[in-house]
Amino acid sequence: MRVVVDEEYGYRHWIWTPRSDNFDIVQKEFESVVGEENYYCKINPKLDFDGHWDEVEYDEWRDILHSEDWAAFAHIHTNTDSVITERKETHTQ
């Protein structure tokens, strides 16, 4: 599973490959971390979440986001605004 991650409103951009390919499991892990009272992604999300993290430049991040090569999107900042959502297939006619 490939997760496109925005850290703190564009401060940094990441591609996260969690250990699990099951979105429900990844979402549960994500929410357990960011749901901690006073959570704040201080130094590096690698310290908070399992899996492989690659920091990427904005242009690469944007290109991946505009492709179909990702399964979820996450925003990481604080316990009040961090979120992860699964990508839904879209079809145009």
PDB file of N, CA and C in Angstrom:
ATOM      1  N   MET A   1       0.851  -1.180   0.000  1.00  0.00           N
ATOM      2  CA  MET A   1       0.000   0.000   0.000  1.00  0.00           C
ATOM      3  C   MET A   1       0.894   1.240   0.000  1.00  0.00           C
ATOM      4  N   ARG A   2       0.533   2.183  -0.817  1.00  0.00           N
ATOM      5  CA  ARG A   2       1.277   3.436  -0.911  1.00  0.00           C
ATOM      6  C   ARG A   2       0.377   4.567  -0.419  1.00  0.00           C
ATOM      7  N   VAL A   3       0.886   5.320   0.563  1.00  0.00           N
ATOM      8  CA  VAL A   3       0.122   6.417   1.145  1.00  0.00           C
ATOM      9  C   VAL A   3       0.843   7.733   0.824  1.00  0.00           C
ATOM     10  N   VAL A   4       0.124   8.658   0.224  1.00  0.00           N
ATOM     11  CA  VAL A   4       0.643   9.988  -0.065  1.00  0.00           C
ATOM     12  C   VAL A   4       0.390  10.834   1.179  1.00  0.00           C
ATOM     13  N   VAL A   5       1.454  11.417   1.732  1.00  0.00           N
ATOM     14  CA  VAL A   5       1.328  12.112   3.018  1.00  0.00           C
ATOM     15  C   VAL A   5       1.777  13.570   2.906  1.00  0.00           C
ATOM     16  N   ASP A   6       0.916  14.440   3.414  1.00  0.00           N
ATOM     17  CA  ASP A   6       1.223  15.858   3.559  1.00  0.00           C
ATOM     18  C   ASP A   6       1.479  16.103   5.043  1.00  0.00           C
ATOM     19  N   GLU A   7       2.639  16.609   5.356  1.00  0.00           N
ATOM     20  CA  GLU A   7       2.952  16.920   6.755  1.00  0.00           C
ATOM     21  C   GLU A   7       2.823  18.419   6.981  1.00  0.00           C
ATOM     22  N   GLU A   8       2.033  18.765   7.941  1.00  0.00           N
ATOM     23  CA  GLU A   8       1.873  20.144   8.415  1.00  0.00           C
ATOM     24  C   GLU A   8       1.669  21.157   7.280  1.00  0.00           C
ATOM     25  N   TYR A   9       0.629  20.925   6.484  1.00  0.00           N
ATOM     26  CA  TYR A   9       0.198  21.883   5.464  1.00  0.00           C
ATOM     27  C   TYR A   9       1.311  22.262   4.487  1.00  0.00           C
ATOM     28  N   GLY A  10       1.999  21.239   3.984  1.00  0.00           N
ATOM     29  CA  GLY A  10       3.015  21.467   2.967  1.00  0.00           C
ATOM     30  C   GLY A  10       4.421  21.646   3.485  1.00  0.00           C
ATOM     31  N   TYR A  11       4.610  21.509   4.798  1.00  0.00           N
ATOM     32  CA  TYR A  11       5.962  21.632   5.364  1.00  0.00           C
ATOM     33  C   TYR A  11       6.888  20.590   4.751  1.00  0.00           C
ATOM     34  N   ARG A  12       6.424  19.335   4.703  1.00  0.00           N
ATOM     35  CA  ARG A  12       7.161  18.258   4.048  1.00  0.00           C
ATOM     36  C   ARG A  12       6.163  17.328   3.376  1.00  0.00           C
ATOM     37  N   HIS A  13       6.676  16.556   2.420  1.00  0.00           N
ATOM     38  CA  HIS A  13       5.847  15.611   1.662  1.00  0.00           C
ATOM     39  C   HIS A  13       6.499  14.246   1.716  1.00  0.00           C
ATOM     40  N   TRP A  14       5.660  13.220   1.860  1.00  0.00           N
ATOM     41  CA  TRP A  14       6.156  11.868   2.067  1.00  0.00           C
ATOM     42  C   TRP A  14       5.383  10.855   1.231  1.00  0.00           C
ATOM     43  N   ILE A  15       6.040   9.736   0.965  1.00  0.00           N
ATOM     44  CA  ILE A  15       5.384   8.535   0.474  1.00  0.00           C
ATOM     45  C   ILE A  15       5.628   7.488   1.551  1.00  0.00           C
ATOM     46  N   TRP A  16       4.543   6.972   2.098  1.00  0.00           N
ATOM     47  CA  TRP A  16       4.615   6.014   3.205  1.00  0.00           C
ATOM     48  C   TRP A  16       4.139   4.659   2.706  1.00  0.00           C
ATOM     49  N   THR A  17       4.932   3.648   2.964  1.00  0.00           N
ATOM     50  CA  THR A  17       4.538   2.270   2.666  1.00  0.00           C
ATOM     51  C   THR A  17       4.407   1.541   3.999  1.00  0.00           C
ATOM     52  N   PRO A  18       3.185   1.463   4.531  1.00  0.00           N
ATOM     53  CA  PRO A  18       2.985   0.779   5.809  1.00  0.00           C
ATOM     54  C   PRO A  18       3.299  -0.713   5.696  1.00  0.00           C
ATOM     55  N   ARG A  19       3.456  -1.355   6.826  1.00  0.00           N
ATOM     56  CA  ARG A  19       3.724  -2.797   6.831  1.00  0.00           C
ATOM     57  C   ARG A  19       2.533  -3.599   6.323  1.00  0.00           C
ATOM     58  N   SER A  20       1.340  -3.094   6.523  1.00  0.00           N
ATOM     59  CA  SER A  20       0.128  -3.791   6.090  1.00  0.00           C
ATOM     60  C   SER A  20      -0.398  -3.184   4.800  1.00  0.00           C
ATOM     61  N   ASP A  21      -0.996  -4.024   3.969  1.00  0.00           N
ATOM     62  CA  ASP A  21      -1.682  -3.558   2.768  1.00  0.00           C
ATOM     63  C   ASP A  21      -3.185  -3.408   2.999  1.00  0.00           C
ATOM     64  N   ASN A  22      -3.629  -3.652   4.220  1.00  0.00           N
ATOM     65  CA  ASN A  22      -5.043  -3.567   4.553  1.00  0.00           C
ATOM     66  C   ASN A  22      -5.330  -2.164   5.103  1.00  0.00           C
ATOM     67  N   PHE A  23      -6.169  -1.403   4.375  1.00  0.00           N
ATOM     68  CA  PHE A  23      -6.431  -0.021   4.786  1.00  0.00           C
ATOM     69  C   PHE A  23      -7.016   0.064   6.193  1.00  0.00           C
ATOM     70  N   ASP A  24      -7.911  -0.835   6.547  1.00  0.00           N
ATOM     71  CA  ASP A  24      -8.529  -0.780   7.874  1.00  0.00           C
ATOM     72  C   ASP A  24      -7.488  -0.906   8.988  1.00  0.00           C
ATOM     73  N   ILE A  25      -6.509  -1.784   8.779  1.00  0.00           N
ATOM     74  CA  ILE A  25      -5.444  -1.952   9.775  1.00  0.00           C
ATOM     75  C   ILE A  25      -4.574  -0.701   9.832  1.00  0.00           C
ATOM     76  N   VAL A  26      -4.227  -0.154   8.675  1.00  0.00           N
ATOM     77  CA  VAL A  26      -3.396   1.056   8.616  1.00  0.00           C
ATOM     78  C   VAL A  26      -4.141   2.228   9.248  1.00  0.00           C
ATOM     79  N   GLN A  27      -5.410   2.354   8.937  1.00  0.00           N
ATOM     80  CA  GLN A  27      -6.213   3.442   9.504  1.00  0.00           C
ATOM     81  C   GLN A  27      -6.283   3.330  11.032  1.00  0.00           C
ATOM     82  N   LYS A  28      -6.466   2.124  11.522  1.00  0.00           N
ATOM     83  CA  LYS A  28      -6.537   1.918  12.976  1.00  0.00           C
ATOM     84  C   LYS A  28      -5.216   2.314  13.635  1.00  0.00           C
ATOM     85  N   GLU A  29      -4.084   1.904  13.045  1.00  0.00           N
ATOM     86  CA  GLU A  29      -2.764   2.277  13.586  1.00  0.00           C
ATOM     87  C   GLU A  29      -2.595   3.791  13.549  1.00  0.00           C
ATOM     88  N   PHE A  30      -2.908   4.391  12.404  1.00  0.00           N
ATOM     89  CA  PHE A  30      -2.771   5.834  12.234  1.00  0.00           C
ATOM     90  C   PHE A  30      -3.578   6.573  13.299  1.00  0.00           C
ATOM     91  N   GLU A  31      -4.837   6.192  13.436  1.00  0.00           N
ATOM     92  CA  GLU A  31      -5.711   6.877  14.388  1.00  0.00           C
ATOM     93  C   GLU A  31      -5.289   6.660  15.833  1.00  0.00           C
ATOM     94  N   SER A  32      -4.693   5.498  16.131  1.00  0.00           N
ATOM     95  CA  SER A  32      -4.228   5.277  17.501  1.00  0.00           C
ATOM     96  C   SER A  32      -3.040   6.185  17.834  1.00  0.00           C
ATOM     97  N   VAL A  33      -2.220   6.487  16.844  1.00  0.00           N
ATOM     98  CA  VAL A  33      -1.067   7.368  17.064  1.00  0.00           C
ATOM     99  C   VAL A  33      -1.516   8.821  17.151  1.00  0.00           C
ATOM    100  N   VAL A  34      -2.219   9.296  16.133  1.00  0.00           N
ATOM    101  CA  VAL A  34      -2.589  10.718  16.101  1.00  0.00           C
ATOM    102  C   VAL A  34      -3.712  11.043  17.075  1.00  0.00           C
ATOM    103  N   GLY A  35      -4.386  10.038  17.580  1.00  0.00           N
ATOM    104  CA  GLY A  35      -5.457  10.258  18.541  1.00  0.00           C
ATOM    105  C   GLY A  35      -4.981  10.497  19.961  1.00  0.00           C
ATOM    106  N   GLU A  36      -3.683  10.306  20.178  1.00  0.00           N
ATOM    107  CA  GLU A  36      -3.129  10.579  21.506  1.00  0.00           C
ATOM    108  C   GLU A  36      -3.325  12.054  21.860  1.00  0.00           C
ATOM    109  N   GLU A  37      -3.684  12.308  23.107  1.00  0.00           N
ATOM    110  CA  GLU A  37      -3.865  13.687  23.544  1.00  0.00           C
ATOM    111  C   GLU A  37      -2.581  14.473  23.312  1.00  0.00           C
ATOM    112  N   ASN A  38      -2.711  15.637  22.733  1.00  0.00           N
ATOM    113  CA  ASN A  38      -1.588  16.534  22.451  1.00  0.00           C
ATOM    114  C   ASN A  38      -0.595  15.982  21.426  1.00  0.00           C
ATOM    115  N   TYR A  39      -1.041  15.026  20.567  1.00  0.00           N
ATOM    116  CA  TYR A  39      -0.133  14.528  19.528  1.00  0.00           C
ATOM    117  C   TYR A  39       0.298  15.677  18.623  1.00  0.00           C
ATOM    118  N   TYR A  40       1.573  15.683  18.279  1.00  0.00           N
ATOM    119  CA  TYR A  40       2.136  16.646  17.343  1.00  0.00           C
ATOM    120  C   TYR A  40       3.300  15.962  16.641  1.00  0.00           C
ATOM    121  N   CYS A  41       3.306  15.969  15.325  1.00  0.00           N
ATOM    122  CA  CYS A  41       4.402  15.368  14.564  1.00  0.00           C
ATOM    123  C   CYS A  41       5.599  16.303  14.669  1.00  0.00           C
ATOM    124  N   LYS A  42       6.461  16.034  15.640  1.00  0.00           N
ATOM    125  CA  LYS A  42       7.528  16.968  15.987  1.00  0.00           C
ATOM    126  C   LYS A  42       8.763  16.867  15.106  1.00  0.00           C
ATOM    127  N   ILE A  43       9.314  15.676  15.015  1.00  0.00           N
ATOM    128  CA  ILE A  43      10.608  15.532  14.352  1.00  0.00           C
ATOM    129  C   ILE A  43      10.465  14.865  12.999  1.00  0.00           C
ATOM    130  N   ASN A  44       9.831  13.715  12.986  1.00  0.00           N
ATOM    131  CA  ASN A  44       9.768  12.924  11.765  1.00  0.00           C
ATOM    132  C   ASN A  44       8.690  11.862  11.933  1.00  0.00           C
ATOM    133  N   PRO A  45       7.791  11.708  10.965  1.00  0.00           N
ATOM    134  CA  PRO A  45       6.748  10.691  11.118  1.00  0.00           C
ATOM    135  C   PRO A  45       7.304   9.268  11.169  1.00  0.00           C
ATOM    136  N   LYS A  46       8.525   9.069  10.707  1.00  0.00           N
ATOM    137  CA  LYS A  46       9.159   7.750  10.785  1.00  0.00           C
ATOM    138  C   LYS A  46       9.234   7.273  12.230  1.00  0.00           C
ATOM    139  N   LEU A  47       9.315   8.218  13.148  1.00  0.00           N
ATOM    140  CA  LEU A  47       9.424   7.873  14.566  1.00  0.00           C
ATOM    141  C   LEU A  47       8.077   7.461  15.161  1.00  0.00           C
ATOM    142  N   ASP A  48       6.994   7.839  14.497  1.00  0.00           N
ATOM    143  CA  ASP A  48       5.655   7.588  15.021  1.00  0.00           C
ATOM    144  C   ASP A  48       4.946   6.396  14.382  1.00  0.00           C
ATOM    145  N   PHE A  49       5.319   6.061  13.141  1.00  0.00           N
ATOM    146  CA  PHE A  49       4.586   5.049  12.382  1.00  0.00           C
ATOM    147  C   PHE A  49       5.534   3.997  11.819  1.00  0.00           C
ATOM    148  N   ASP A  50       5.077   2.738  11.814  1.00  0.00           N
ATOM    149  CA  ASP A  50       5.841   1.649  11.213  1.00  0.00           C
ATOM    150  C   ASP A  50       5.819   1.764   9.695  1.00  0.00           C
ATOM    151  N   GLY A  51       6.706   1.031   9.066  1.00  0.00           N
ATOM    152  CA  GLY A  51       6.742   0.996   7.616  1.00  0.00           C
ATOM    153  C   GLY A  51       7.897   1.804   7.070  1.00  0.00           C
ATOM    154  N   HIS A  52       7.880   1.983   5.767  1.00  0.00           N
ATOM    155  CA  HIS A  52       8.959   2.690   5.072  1.00  0.00           C
ATOM    156  C   HIS A  52       8.485   4.087   4.673  1.00  0.00           C
ATOM    157  N   TRP A  53       9.306   5.084   4.936  1.00  0.00           N
ATOM    158  CA  TRP A  53       8.989   6.474   4.631  1.00  0.00           C
ATOM    159  C   TRP A  53      10.042   7.061   3.704  1.00  0.00           C
ATOM    160  N   ASP A  54       9.583   7.708   2.633  1.00  0.00           N
ATOM    161  CA  ASP A  54      10.472   8.439   1.730  1.00  0.00           C
ATOM    162  C   ASP A  54      10.011   9.882   1.685  1.00  0.00           C
ATOM    163  N   GLU A  55      10.900  10.794   2.072  1.00  0.00           N
ATOM    164  CA  GLU A  55      10.576  12.207   1.906  1.00  0.00           C
ATOM    165  C   GLU A  55      10.823  12.557   0.442  1.00  0.00           C
ATOM    166  N   VAL A  56       9.865  13.239  -0.171  1.00  0.00           N
ATOM    167  CA  VAL A  56       9.977  13.590  -1.582  1.00  0.00           C
ATOM    168  C   VAL A  56       9.735  15.082  -1.771  1.00  0.00           C
ATOM    169  N   GLU A  57      10.259  15.606  -2.856  1.00  0.00           N
ATOM    170  CA  GLU A  57      10.020  17.001  -3.209  1.00  0.00           C
ATOM    171  C   GLU A  57       8.560  17.172  -3.633  1.00  0.00           C
ATOM    172  N   TYR A  58       8.084  18.385  -3.533  1.00  0.00           N
ATOM    173  CA  TYR A  58       6.677  18.653  -3.838  1.00  0.00           C
ATOM    174  C   TYR A  58       6.282  18.187  -5.234  1.00  0.00           C
ATOM    175  N   ASP A  59       7.103  18.475  -6.244  1.00  0.00           N
ATOM    176  CA  ASP A  59       6.732  18.118  -7.620  1.00  0.00           C
ATOM    177  C   ASP A  59       6.535  16.616  -7.781  1.00  0.00           C
ATOM    178  N   GLU A  60       7.402  15.809  -7.171  1.00  0.00           N
ATOM    179  CA  GLU A  60       7.249  14.353  -7.240  1.00  0.00           C
ATOM    180  C   GLU A  60       5.989  13.912  -6.496  1.00  0.00           C
ATOM    181  N   TRP A  61       5.764  14.490  -5.323  1.00  0.00           N
ATOM    182  CA  TRP A  61       4.582  14.184  -4.511  1.00  0.00           C
ATOM    183  C   TRP A  61       3.313  14.496  -5.290  1.00  0.00           C
ATOM    184  N   ARG A  62       3.281  15.672  -5.911  1.00  0.00           N
ATOM    185  CA  ARG A  62       2.117  16.094  -6.701  1.00  0.00           C
ATOM    186  C   ARG A  62       1.874  15.156  -7.878  1.00  0.00           C
ATOM    187  N   ASP A  63       2.954  14.756  -8.570  1.00  0.00           N
ATOM    188  CA  ASP A  63       2.809  13.840  -9.703  1.00  0.00           C
ATOM    189  C   ASP A  63       2.224  12.497  -9.263  1.00  0.00           C
ATOM    190  N   ILE A  64       2.675  12.008  -8.121  1.00  0.00           N
ATOM    191  CA  ILE A  64       2.132  10.744  -7.606  1.00  0.00           C
ATOM    192  C   ILE A  64       0.666  10.921  -7.222  1.00  0.00           C
ATOM    193  N   LEU A  65       0.364  12.030  -6.581  1.00  0.00           N
ATOM    194  CA  LEU A  65      -1.018  12.305  -6.179  1.00  0.00           C
ATOM    195  C   LEU A  65      -1.946  12.372  -7.394  1.00  0.00           C
ATOM    196  N   HIS A  66      -1.460  12.900  -8.494  1.00  0.00           N
ATOM    197  CA  HIS A  66      -2.271  13.013  -9.713  1.00  0.00           C
ATOM    198  C   HIS A  66      -2.309  11.718 -10.516  1.00  0.00           C
ATOM    199  N   SER A  67      -1.509  10.744 -10.128  1.00  0.00           N
ATOM    200  CA  SER A  67      -1.514   9.444 -10.797  1.00  0.00           C
ATOM    201  C   SER A  67      -2.514   8.525 -10.088  1.00  0.00           C
ATOM    202  N   GLU A  68      -2.520   7.287 -10.488  1.00  0.00           N
ATOM    203  CA  GLU A  68      -3.361   6.291  -9.811  1.00  0.00           C
ATOM    204  C   GLU A  68      -2.498   5.348  -8.976  1.00  0.00           C
ATOM    205  N   ASP A  69      -1.274   5.757  -8.697  1.00  0.00           N
ATOM    206  CA  ASP A  69      -0.305   4.888  -8.036  1.00  0.00           C
ATOM    207  C   ASP A  69      -0.244   5.128  -6.529  1.00  0.00           C
ATOM    208  N   TRP A  70      -1.406   5.173  -5.888  1.00  0.00           N
ATOM    209  CA  TRP A  70      -1.462   5.315  -4.440  1.00  0.00           C
ATOM    210  C   TRP A  70      -2.804   4.797  -3.940  1.00  0.00           C
ATOM    211  N   ALA A  71      -2.835   4.419  -2.679  1.00  0.00           N
ATOM    212  CA  ALA A  71      -4.038   3.802  -2.120  1.00  0.00           C
ATOM    213  C   ALA A  71      -4.733   4.661  -1.066  1.00  0.00           C
ATOM    214  N   ALA A  72      -3.980   5.592  -0.475  1.00  0.00           N
ATOM    215  CA  ALA A  72      -4.560   6.423   0.582  1.00  0.00           C
ATOM    216  C   ALA A  72      -3.826   7.757   0.639  1.00  0.00           C
ATOM    217  N   PHE A  73      -4.489   8.729   1.248  1.00  0.00           N
ATOM    218  CA  PHE A  73      -3.912  10.055   1.471  1.00  0.00           C
ATOM    219  C   PHE A  73      -3.973  10.341   2.956  1.00  0.00           C
ATOM    220  N   ALA A  74      -2.901  10.927   3.491  1.00  0.00           N
ATOM    221  CA  ALA A  74      -2.894  11.290   4.907  1.00  0.00           C
ATOM    222  C   ALA A  74      -2.357  12.706   5.088  1.00  0.00           C
ATOM    223  N   HIS A  75      -2.909  13.363   6.072  1.00  0.00           N
ATOM    224  CA  HIS A  75      -2.376  14.651   6.530  1.00  0.00           C
ATOM    225  C   HIS A  75      -1.946  14.423   7.973  1.00  0.00           C
ATOM    226  N   ILE A  76      -0.710  14.800   8.280  1.00  0.00           N
ATOM    227  CA  ILE A  76      -0.179  14.620   9.637  1.00  0.00           C
ATOM    228  C   ILE A  76       0.247  15.975  10.181  1.00  0.00           C
ATOM    229  N   HIS A  77      -0.267  16.277  11.362  1.00  0.00           N
ATOM    230  CA  HIS A  77       0.115  17.516  12.026  1.00  0.00           C
ATOM    231  C   HIS A  77      -0.124  17.381  13.524  1.00  0.00           C
ATOM    232  N   THR A  78      -1.383  17.512  13.952  1.00  0.00           N
ATOM    233  CA  THR A  78      -1.705  17.410  15.383  1.00  0.00           C
ATOM    234  C   THR A  78      -2.846  16.419  15.583  1.00  0.00           C
ATOM    235  N   ASN A  79      -3.184  16.189  16.844  1.00  0.00           N
ATOM    236  CA  ASN A  79      -4.292  15.274  17.139  1.00  0.00           C
ATOM    237  C   ASN A  79      -5.641  15.831  16.697  1.00  0.00           C
ATOM    238  N   THR A  80      -5.725  17.123  16.435  1.00  0.00           N
ATOM    239  CA  THR A  80      -7.008  17.711  16.049  1.00  0.00           C
ATOM    240  C   THR A  80      -7.225  17.787  14.544  1.00  0.00           C
ATOM    241  N   ASP A  81      -6.176  17.623  13.737  1.00  0.00           N
ATOM    242  CA  ASP A  81      -6.367  17.779  12.292  1.00  0.00           C
ATOM    243  C   ASP A  81      -5.740  16.683  11.437  1.00  0.00           C
ATOM    244  N   SER A  82      -5.093  15.701  12.038  1.00  0.00           N
ATOM    245  CA  SER A  82      -4.499  14.613  11.257  1.00  0.00           C
ATOM    246  C   SER A  82      -5.591  13.650  10.800  1.00  0.00           C
ATOM    247  N   VAL A  83      -5.462  13.171   9.565  1.00  0.00           N
ATOM    248  CA  VAL A  83      -6.493  12.316   8.992  1.00  0.00           C
ATOM    249  C   VAL A  83      -5.889  11.427   7.913  1.00  0.00           C
ATOM    250  N   ILE A  84      -6.478  10.253   7.735  1.00  0.00           N
ATOM    251  CA  ILE A  84      -6.106   9.376   6.636  1.00  0.00           C
ATOM    252  C   ILE A  84      -7.390   8.940   5.939  1.00  0.00           C
ATOM    253  N   THR A  85      -7.358   8.939   4.595  1.00  0.00           N
ATOM    254  CA  THR A  85      -8.522   8.527   3.824  1.00  0.00           C
ATOM    255  C   THR A  85      -8.088   7.582   2.714  1.00  0.00           C
ATOM    256  N   GLU A  86      -8.946   6.625   2.448  1.00  0.00           N
ATOM    257  CA  GLU A  86      -8.676   5.659   1.396  1.00  0.00           C
ATOM    258  C   GLU A  86      -9.070   6.258   0.051  1.00  0.00           C
ATOM    259  N   ARG A  87      -8.246   6.008  -0.948  1.00  0.00           N
ATOM    260  CA  ARG A  87      -8.555   6.467  -2.299  1.00  0.00           C
ATOM    261  C   ARG A  87      -9.684   5.636  -2.869  1.00  0.00           C
ATOM    262  N   LYS A  88     -10.654   6.297  -3.422  1.00  0.00           N
ATOM    263  CA  LYS A  88     -11.778   5.612  -4.061  1.00  0.00           C
ATOM    264  C   LYS A  88     -11.578   5.687  -5.562  1.00  0.00           C
ATOM    265  N   GLU A  89     -11.924   4.613  -6.235  1.00  0.00           N
ATOM    266  CA  GLU A  89     -11.836   4.588  -7.689  1.00  0.00           C
ATOM    267  C   GLU A  89     -12.836   5.563  -8.265  1.00  0.00           C
ATOM    268  N   THR A  90     -12.418   6.303  -9.265  1.00  0.00           N
ATOM    269  CA  THR A  90     -13.334   7.193  -9.966  1.00  0.00           C
ATOM    270  C   THR A  90     -13.337   6.831 -11.440  1.00  0.00           C
ATOM    271  N   HIS A  91     -14.470   6.967 -12.034  1.00  0.00           N
ATOM    272  CA  HIS A  91     -14.615   6.628 -13.444  1.00  0.00           C
ATOM    273  C   HIS A  91     -15.291   7.785 -14.162  1.00  0.00           C
ATOM    274  N   THR A  92     -14.775   8.111 -15.319  1.00  0.00           N
ATOM    275  CA  THR A  92     -15.408   9.144 -16.117  1.00  0.00           C
ATOM    276  C   THR A  92     -15.953   8.521 -17.384  1.00  0.00           C
ATOM    277  N   GLN A  93     -16.975   9.134 -17.903  1.00  0.00           N
ATOM    278  CA  GLN A  93     -17.587   8.612 -19.126  1.00  0.00           C
ATOM    279  C   GLN A  93     -17.141   9.399 -20.321  1.00  0.00           C
TER     280      GLN A  93
END
